[in-house]
N, C-alpha and C. Protein backbone atom coordinates (compact mmCIF):
# COMPACT_ATOMS: atom_id res chain seq x y z
N MET A 1 -0.89 -19.56 -12.59
CA MET A 1 0.47 -19.88 -12.28
C MET A 1 0.54 -20.70 -11.03
N ASN A 2 1.57 -21.59 -10.96
CA ASN A 2 1.71 -22.36 -9.82
C ASN A 2 2.35 -21.57 -8.67
N GLY A 3 1.80 -21.65 -7.45
CA GLY A 3 2.29 -20.93 -6.30
C GLY A 3 3.75 -21.16 -5.99
N GLY A 4 4.11 -22.38 -6.09
CA GLY A 4 5.54 -22.81 -5.82
C GLY A 4 6.51 -22.15 -6.81
N PHE A 5 6.06 -22.05 -8.03
CA PHE A 5 6.91 -21.45 -9.06
C PHE A 5 7.09 -19.96 -8.76
N VAL A 6 6.02 -19.31 -8.36
CA VAL A 6 6.07 -17.89 -8.07
C VAL A 6 7.07 -17.62 -6.85
N ILE A 7 6.89 -18.47 -5.85
CA ILE A 7 7.85 -18.35 -4.61
C ILE A 7 9.24 -18.61 -5.05
N ALA A 8 9.51 -19.60 -5.86
CA ALA A 8 10.88 -19.88 -6.32
C ALA A 8 11.43 -18.75 -7.15
N ALA A 9 10.58 -18.18 -8.00
CA ALA A 9 11.07 -17.08 -8.85
C ALA A 9 11.34 -15.80 -7.99
N LEU A 10 10.51 -15.58 -6.99
CA LEU A 10 10.84 -14.44 -6.09
C LEU A 10 12.10 -14.63 -5.29
N ALA A 11 12.29 -15.90 -4.83
CA ALA A 11 13.48 -16.18 -4.07
C ALA A 11 14.74 -16.02 -4.99
N PHE A 12 14.64 -16.48 -6.25
CA PHE A 12 15.78 -16.31 -7.16
C PHE A 12 16.08 -14.85 -7.45
N VAL A 13 15.00 -14.05 -7.63
CA VAL A 13 15.24 -12.63 -7.90
C VAL A 13 15.89 -11.99 -6.68
N LEU A 14 15.38 -12.24 -5.50
CA LEU A 14 15.98 -11.67 -4.30
C LEU A 14 17.40 -12.12 -4.10
N LEU A 15 17.72 -13.34 -4.40
CA LEU A 15 19.10 -13.83 -4.24
C LEU A 15 20.05 -13.20 -5.24
N MET A 16 19.58 -12.98 -6.52
CA MET A 16 20.40 -12.41 -7.54
C MET A 16 20.49 -10.87 -7.32
N ALA A 17 19.51 -10.23 -6.82
CA ALA A 17 19.54 -8.79 -6.65
C ALA A 17 20.36 -8.34 -5.40
N GLY A 18 20.28 -9.04 -4.31
CA GLY A 18 20.86 -8.58 -3.14
C GLY A 18 21.62 -9.62 -2.35
N GLY A 19 21.63 -10.84 -2.88
CA GLY A 19 22.37 -11.85 -2.19
C GLY A 19 21.57 -12.51 -1.09
N PHE A 20 22.23 -13.30 -0.28
CA PHE A 20 21.59 -14.05 0.75
C PHE A 20 20.92 -13.21 1.83
N PRO A 21 21.54 -12.09 2.29
CA PRO A 21 20.91 -11.23 3.31
C PRO A 21 19.54 -10.70 2.89
N LEU A 22 19.40 -10.32 1.61
CA LEU A 22 18.10 -9.86 1.08
C LEU A 22 17.09 -11.04 1.05
N LEU A 23 17.58 -12.16 0.68
CA LEU A 23 16.67 -13.34 0.68
C LEU A 23 16.19 -13.68 2.11
N LEU A 24 17.11 -13.66 3.06
CA LEU A 24 16.66 -13.84 4.44
C LEU A 24 15.72 -12.75 4.93
N LEU A 25 15.96 -11.54 4.58
CA LEU A 25 15.03 -10.46 4.98
C LEU A 25 13.69 -10.65 4.40
N GLY A 26 13.57 -11.04 3.12
CA GLY A 26 12.30 -11.33 2.55
C GLY A 26 11.60 -12.49 3.23
N LEU A 27 12.33 -13.52 3.62
CA LEU A 27 11.75 -14.65 4.31
C LEU A 27 11.25 -14.26 5.66
N VAL A 28 11.98 -13.44 6.40
CA VAL A 28 11.56 -13.00 7.70
C VAL A 28 10.30 -12.10 7.61
N LEU A 29 10.30 -11.20 6.66
CA LEU A 29 9.07 -10.43 6.47
C LEU A 29 7.92 -11.17 6.09
N TYR A 30 8.05 -12.23 5.23
CA TYR A 30 6.92 -13.10 4.90
C TYR A 30 6.44 -13.84 6.07
N LEU A 31 7.35 -14.35 6.87
CA LEU A 31 6.87 -15.11 8.06
C LEU A 31 6.23 -14.23 9.05
N ALA A 32 6.65 -12.98 9.22
CA ALA A 32 6.00 -12.07 10.11
C ALA A 32 4.61 -11.73 9.62
N TRP A 33 4.48 -11.54 8.32
CA TRP A 33 3.14 -11.26 7.77
C TRP A 33 2.21 -12.46 7.93
N PHE A 34 2.72 -13.68 7.70
CA PHE A 34 1.93 -14.87 7.85
C PHE A 34 1.48 -15.05 9.29
N ALA A 35 2.40 -14.78 10.24
CA ALA A 35 2.02 -14.88 11.66
C ALA A 35 0.99 -13.86 12.03
N TRP A 36 1.05 -12.67 11.49
CA TRP A 36 0.07 -11.64 11.76
C TRP A 36 -1.27 -12.07 11.28
N VAL A 37 -1.31 -12.59 10.10
CA VAL A 37 -2.62 -13.04 9.47
C VAL A 37 -3.21 -14.14 10.31
N VAL A 38 -2.41 -15.11 10.68
CA VAL A 38 -2.92 -16.31 11.34
C VAL A 38 -3.32 -16.04 12.75
N PHE A 39 -2.50 -15.25 13.53
CA PHE A 39 -2.73 -15.09 14.96
C PHE A 39 -3.40 -13.83 15.39
N ARG A 40 -3.74 -12.95 14.42
CA ARG A 40 -4.39 -11.70 14.84
C ARG A 40 -5.85 -12.00 15.33
N LYS A 41 -6.25 -11.24 16.34
CA LYS A 41 -7.60 -11.47 16.93
C LYS A 41 -8.57 -10.54 16.26
N GLU A 42 -9.63 -11.04 15.79
CA GLU A 42 -10.68 -10.24 15.18
C GLU A 42 -11.28 -9.30 16.27
N PRO A 43 -11.47 -8.03 15.89
CA PRO A 43 -12.08 -7.14 16.90
C PRO A 43 -13.51 -7.46 17.15
N GLU A 44 -13.91 -7.38 18.45
CA GLU A 44 -15.28 -7.71 18.79
C GLU A 44 -16.20 -6.53 18.38
N GLU A 45 -17.32 -6.84 17.80
CA GLU A 45 -18.27 -5.78 17.42
C GLU A 45 -18.94 -5.18 18.56
N LEU A 46 -19.03 -3.89 18.65
CA LEU A 46 -19.76 -3.23 19.68
C LEU A 46 -21.21 -3.29 19.35
N SER A 47 -22.00 -3.67 20.31
CA SER A 47 -23.43 -3.76 20.11
C SER A 47 -24.17 -2.82 21.10
N ASN A 48 -25.19 -2.13 20.57
CA ASN A 48 -25.96 -1.26 21.46
C ASN A 48 -27.13 -2.02 22.02
N GLY A 49 -27.29 -3.31 21.76
CA GLY A 49 -28.28 -4.12 22.38
C GLY A 49 -29.54 -4.31 21.47
N TRP A 50 -29.74 -3.50 20.53
CA TRP A 50 -30.94 -3.66 19.72
C TRP A 50 -30.93 -4.97 18.96
N CYS A 51 -29.78 -5.40 18.46
CA CYS A 51 -29.65 -6.63 17.70
C CYS A 51 -29.98 -7.80 18.62
N ARG A 52 -29.47 -7.74 19.80
CA ARG A 52 -29.71 -8.78 20.76
C ARG A 52 -31.19 -8.87 21.12
N ASP A 53 -31.82 -7.73 21.30
CA ASP A 53 -33.24 -7.72 21.60
C ASP A 53 -34.03 -8.23 20.46
N LEU A 54 -33.64 -7.90 19.24
CA LEU A 54 -34.40 -8.36 18.07
C LEU A 54 -34.21 -9.96 17.97
N GLN A 55 -33.03 -10.44 18.24
CA GLN A 55 -32.83 -11.84 18.23
C GLN A 55 -33.69 -12.59 19.24
N ARG A 56 -33.79 -11.96 20.47
CA ARG A 56 -34.68 -12.59 21.47
C ARG A 56 -36.16 -12.59 21.03
N GLU A 57 -36.56 -11.52 20.39
CA GLU A 57 -37.94 -11.50 19.95
C GLU A 57 -38.26 -12.51 18.88
N ILE A 58 -37.28 -12.70 17.92
CA ILE A 58 -37.44 -13.73 16.93
C ILE A 58 -37.50 -15.14 17.53
N GLU A 59 -36.58 -15.40 18.51
CA GLU A 59 -36.59 -16.72 19.12
C GLU A 59 -37.90 -16.94 19.91
N GLU A 60 -38.45 -15.89 20.58
CA GLU A 60 -39.71 -16.03 21.27
C GLU A 60 -40.85 -16.34 20.30
N GLU A 61 -40.88 -15.67 19.10
CA GLU A 61 -41.87 -15.99 18.11
C GLU A 61 -41.75 -17.40 17.67
N ARG A 62 -40.58 -17.85 17.42
CA ARG A 62 -40.37 -19.27 16.99
C ARG A 62 -40.89 -20.26 17.99
N ARG A 63 -40.58 -19.99 19.24
CA ARG A 63 -41.05 -20.88 20.33
C ARG A 63 -42.60 -20.87 20.43
N HIS A 64 -43.14 -19.69 20.24
CA HIS A 64 -44.56 -19.48 20.35
C HIS A 64 -45.29 -20.23 19.20
N GLN A 65 -44.67 -20.27 18.01
CA GLN A 65 -45.31 -20.91 16.88
C GLN A 65 -45.21 -22.46 16.99
N ILE A 66 -44.21 -22.96 17.68
CA ILE A 66 -44.08 -24.39 17.86
C ILE A 66 -44.95 -24.86 18.93
C-alpha cells in the first residue's frame, strides 16, 4: 500500500470520527513521536574494559604482522 494513501485514509477517519480537534490531536501525537525517534540519544554502552583491551591486542598483532 502507498504510504500517502494510508496517511490520507487515517486523516479522513479521524476527521469523520471526531472532527477537526481529533485530527489535530492525531497530528500532534504523530509529530511528537517523530521528534522522539529523530532526536533521541542512543544510550552509551557501559564497558568493563575487556573489549577495549581485546581491541588493542588485535591492533598490536596487526601492526606486528605488517
